[in-house]
Amino acid sequence: MKLLFIYGSPAVGKLTVANEIAKQTDFKVFHNHLSIDCIEPIFDFGTESFFKLIEIIRAETVAEAARQNVNLIYTFCYAKDLDDAHIRKIIESVEINGGEICFVLLIAAKDVLEKRILEESRKQYSKVKDLKILHEIFDKYDLFSPVPERESLIIDNTNLSAEATARKIIEHFQILKSNLFL
């Protein structure tokens, strides 16, 4: 099992790129808003119960995909230091079950992120859709650093389409249509 762990700031295109990779391969997409949208109607965002259940859902879904040899794309908005324990938990969930993780950090110019944050496609999920909130997040968290202790493919997709970004990821990790890695 291979886990493509695609991370970056809000509006950088994580889900759009993940869906493009899934179109070209048989990787499944497990984006971070699936678990949020599952729990948020029951427990308010940010509460202890919310985060406890999110962690369980994410780690167990990734672990089961590894156990069943299901190639998976996982999207996440990584905040340096704050999310390091979560990163370790996902790594453990994959590797203890015989899988391998390939990290991809997507970055884009802040002015481009500001434009993307307002796009209609973001309304489908509980995503950040407001410039004020985006700026507060940028001021509070480091969302542009790579995860520690692991190599990440870093792609600036400021001027790249989702298709071109997906192609770079597929080529870098040598993913074939059948999802066999060279």
Protein backbone atom coordinates (compact mmCIF):
# COMPACT_ATOMS: atom_id res chain seq x y z
CA MET A 1 0.00 0.00 0.00
CA LYS A 2 1.15 3.48 -0.86
CA LEU A 3 -0.15 6.57 0.89
CA LEU A 4 0.27 9.84 -0.96
CA PHE A 5 0.13 12.36 1.87
CA ILE A 6 -0.64 15.70 0.19
CA TYR A 7 -0.48 18.68 2.51
CA GLY A 8 -0.40 22.46 2.39
CA SER A 9 -2.33 25.58 3.27
CA PRO A 10 -6.01 26.18 2.64
CA ALA A 11 -6.79 26.80 -1.05
CA VAL A 12 -3.51 25.38 -2.32
CA GLY A 13 -5.40 22.69 -4.28
CA LYS A 14 -4.86 19.56 -2.22
CA LEU A 15 -8.24 18.00 -2.98
CA THR A 16 -8.28 19.14 -6.61
CA VAL A 17 -4.86 17.59 -7.20
CA ALA A 18 -5.81 14.45 -5.25
CA ASN A 19 -8.90 13.99 -7.40
CA GLU A 20 -6.81 14.43 -10.54
CA ILE A 21 -4.35 11.76 -9.38
CA ALA A 22 -7.27 9.46 -8.56
CA LYS A 23 -8.64 9.94 -12.11
CA GLN A 24 -5.33 8.81 -13.56
CA THR A 25 -4.74 5.91 -11.14
CA ASP A 26 -6.75 3.63 -8.91
CA PHE A 27 -5.76 5.51 -5.76
CA LYS A 28 -8.68 6.34 -3.48
CA VAL A 29 -9.05 9.83 -1.99
CA PHE A 30 -9.46 10.32 1.75
CA HIS A 31 -9.48 14.09 2.15
CA ASN A 32 -9.48 15.76 5.53
CA HIS A 33 -12.99 17.21 5.19
CA LEU A 34 -14.58 13.75 5.04
CA SER A 35 -13.81 13.20 8.71
CA ILE A 36 -14.60 16.81 9.66
CA ASP A 37 -17.97 16.70 7.91
CA CYS A 38 -18.72 13.40 9.64
CA ILE A 39 -18.05 14.65 13.18
CA GLU A 40 -18.91 18.37 13.08
CA PRO A 41 -22.71 17.92 13.12
CA ILE A 42 -22.34 16.11 16.45
CA PHE A 43 -19.36 17.77 18.17
CA ASP A 44 -18.40 21.40 17.61
CA PHE A 45 -15.19 22.06 15.72
CA GLY A 46 -12.30 22.44 18.13
CA THR A 47 -13.77 20.55 21.07
CA GLU A 48 -11.90 17.72 22.75
CA SER A 49 -14.43 15.13 21.51
CA PHE A 50 -14.20 16.53 17.97
CA PHE A 51 -10.43 16.15 17.80
CA LYS A 52 -10.47 12.76 19.54
CA LEU A 53 -12.90 11.29 17.00
CA ILE A 54 -11.21 12.93 14.01
CA GLU A 55 -7.90 11.34 15.03
CA ILE A 56 -9.50 7.90 15.43
CA ILE A 57 -11.32 8.07 12.10
CA ARG A 58 -8.28 9.26 10.18
CA ALA A 59 -5.73 6.89 11.72
CA GLU A 60 -7.98 3.83 11.54
CA THR A 61 -9.05 4.52 7.95
CA VAL A 62 -5.43 4.86 6.87
CA ALA A 63 -4.42 1.76 8.86
CA GLU A 64 -7.20 -0.34 7.34
CA ALA A 65 -6.27 0.84 3.84
CA ALA A 66 -2.70 -0.30 4.56
CA ARG A 67 -3.91 -3.66 5.89
CA GLN A 68 -6.11 -4.17 2.81
CA ASN A 69 -3.40 -2.91 0.40
CA VAL A 70 -5.56 -0.03 -0.86
CA ASN A 71 -3.50 2.80 -2.30
CA LEU A 72 -4.71 6.03 -0.78
CA ILE A 73 -4.34 9.79 -1.13
CA TYR A 74 -4.63 11.64 2.17
CA THR A 75 -4.98 15.41 2.23
CA PHE A 76 -4.16 17.51 5.26
CA CYS A 77 -3.50 21.12 6.27
CA TYR A 78 -0.29 20.63 8.25
CA ALA A 79 0.68 23.27 10.82
CA LYS A 80 4.33 22.93 11.85
CA ASP A 81 4.79 21.75 15.44
CA LEU A 82 1.05 21.71 16.20
CA ASP A 83 0.34 18.69 13.97
CA ASP A 84 3.56 16.70 14.46
CA ALA A 85 1.87 14.13 16.72
CA HIS A 86 -0.78 13.56 14.06
CA ILE A 87 1.89 13.08 11.40
CA ARG A 88 3.61 10.48 13.59
CA LYS A 89 0.26 8.71 14.15
CA ILE A 90 -0.45 8.51 10.40
CA ILE A 91 3.09 7.31 9.68
CA GLU A 92 2.70 4.61 12.33
CA SER A 93 -0.75 3.62 11.01
CA VAL A 94 0.73 3.04 7.58
CA GLU A 95 4.13 1.56 8.35
CA ILE A 96 3.05 -0.84 11.12
CA ASN A 97 0.68 -2.33 8.53
CA GLY A 98 3.30 -2.70 5.80
CA GLY A 99 2.56 0.48 3.83
CA GLU A 100 4.76 3.28 2.57
CA ILE A 101 4.18 7.05 2.73
CA CYS A 102 5.07 9.55 0.03
CA PHE A 103 4.81 13.16 1.28
CA VAL A 104 3.89 16.02 -1.05
CA LEU A 105 3.85 19.65 0.08
CA LEU A 106 1.91 21.97 -2.19
CA ILE A 107 2.65 25.68 -1.95
CA ALA A 108 1.42 28.71 -3.83
CA ALA A 109 1.84 32.47 -3.67
CA LYS A 110 -0.36 34.06 -1.01
CA ASP A 111 -2.11 36.33 -3.53
CA VAL A 112 -3.10 33.23 -5.52
CA LEU A 113 -4.34 31.52 -2.36
CA GLU A 114 -6.44 34.60 -1.61
CA LYS A 115 -8.11 34.29 -5.02
CA ARG A 116 -8.62 30.54 -4.74
CA ILE A 117 -10.18 30.80 -1.28
CA LEU A 118 -13.21 32.50 -2.85
CA GLU A 119 -13.81 29.86 -5.54
CA GLU A 120 -17.22 28.22 -5.73
CA SER A 121 -15.80 24.69 -5.44
CA ARG A 122 -14.78 25.35 -1.81
CA LYS A 123 -18.42 25.70 -0.72
CA GLN A 124 -19.07 21.96 -1.07
CA TYR A 125 -17.21 21.22 2.17
CA SER A 126 -16.56 23.00 5.46
CA LYS A 127 -13.49 24.70 4.04
CA VAL A 128 -12.07 28.12 4.81
CA LYS A 129 -13.90 30.51 2.47
CA ASP A 130 -13.15 33.89 4.01
CA LEU A 131 -10.08 36.09 3.48
CA LYS A 132 -10.11 37.36 7.07
CA ILE A 133 -10.01 33.81 8.43
CA LEU A 134 -7.32 32.83 5.93
CA HIS A 135 -5.12 35.74 7.11
CA GLU A 136 -5.73 34.81 10.75
CA ILE A 137 -4.63 31.25 9.99
CA PHE A 138 -1.51 32.48 8.18
CA ASP A 139 -0.66 34.74 11.12
CA LYS A 140 -1.15 31.99 13.70
CA TYR A 141 0.35 28.89 12.02
CA ASP A 142 3.31 27.92 9.85
CA LEU A 143 1.56 26.12 6.98
CA PHE A 144 4.45 26.28 4.52
CA SER A 145 7.11 24.13 6.18
CA PRO A 146 7.67 20.48 5.28
CA VAL A 147 6.85 17.77 7.80
CA PRO A 148 9.86 16.94 9.99
CA GLU A 149 12.09 13.92 9.64
CA ARG A 150 10.65 12.86 6.28
CA GLU A 151 11.45 13.90 2.75
CA SER A 152 8.68 15.76 0.94
CA LEU A 153 8.26 16.49 -2.73
CA ILE A 154 7.63 20.25 -2.73
CA ILE A 155 5.63 21.66 -5.62
CA ASP A 156 4.83 25.32 -6.13
CA ASN A 157 1.56 25.17 -8.05
CA THR A 158 1.06 28.94 -8.24
CA ASN A 159 1.11 28.72 -12.03
CA LEU A 160 0.40 25.01 -12.52
CA SER A 161 -2.90 23.37 -13.30
CA ALA A 162 -4.14 20.51 -11.17
CA GLU A 163 -3.41 18.19 -14.08
CA ALA A 164 0.21 19.37 -14.37
CA THR A 165 0.69 19.14 -10.61
CA ALA A 166 -0.75 15.62 -10.55
CA ARG A 167 1.52 14.65 -13.42
CA LYS A 168 4.59 15.86 -11.48
CA ILE A 169 3.57 13.77 -8.46
CA ILE A 170 2.83 10.69 -10.55
CA GLU A 171 6.15 11.00 -12.37
CA HIS A 172 8.18 11.73 -9.24
CA PHE A 173 6.85 8.69 -7.39
CA GLN A 174 6.77 6.64 -10.61
CA ILE A 175 3.14 5.67 -10.27
CA LEU A 176 1.89 3.63 -13.19
CA LYS A 177 -1.72 3.52 -14.33
CA SER A 178 -2.13 0.22 -12.49
CA ASN A 179 -0.54 1.91 -9.44
CA LEU A 180 2.45 -0.34 -9.44
CA PHE A 181 5.51 1.66 -8.51
CA LEU A 182 8.61 1.18 -10.62
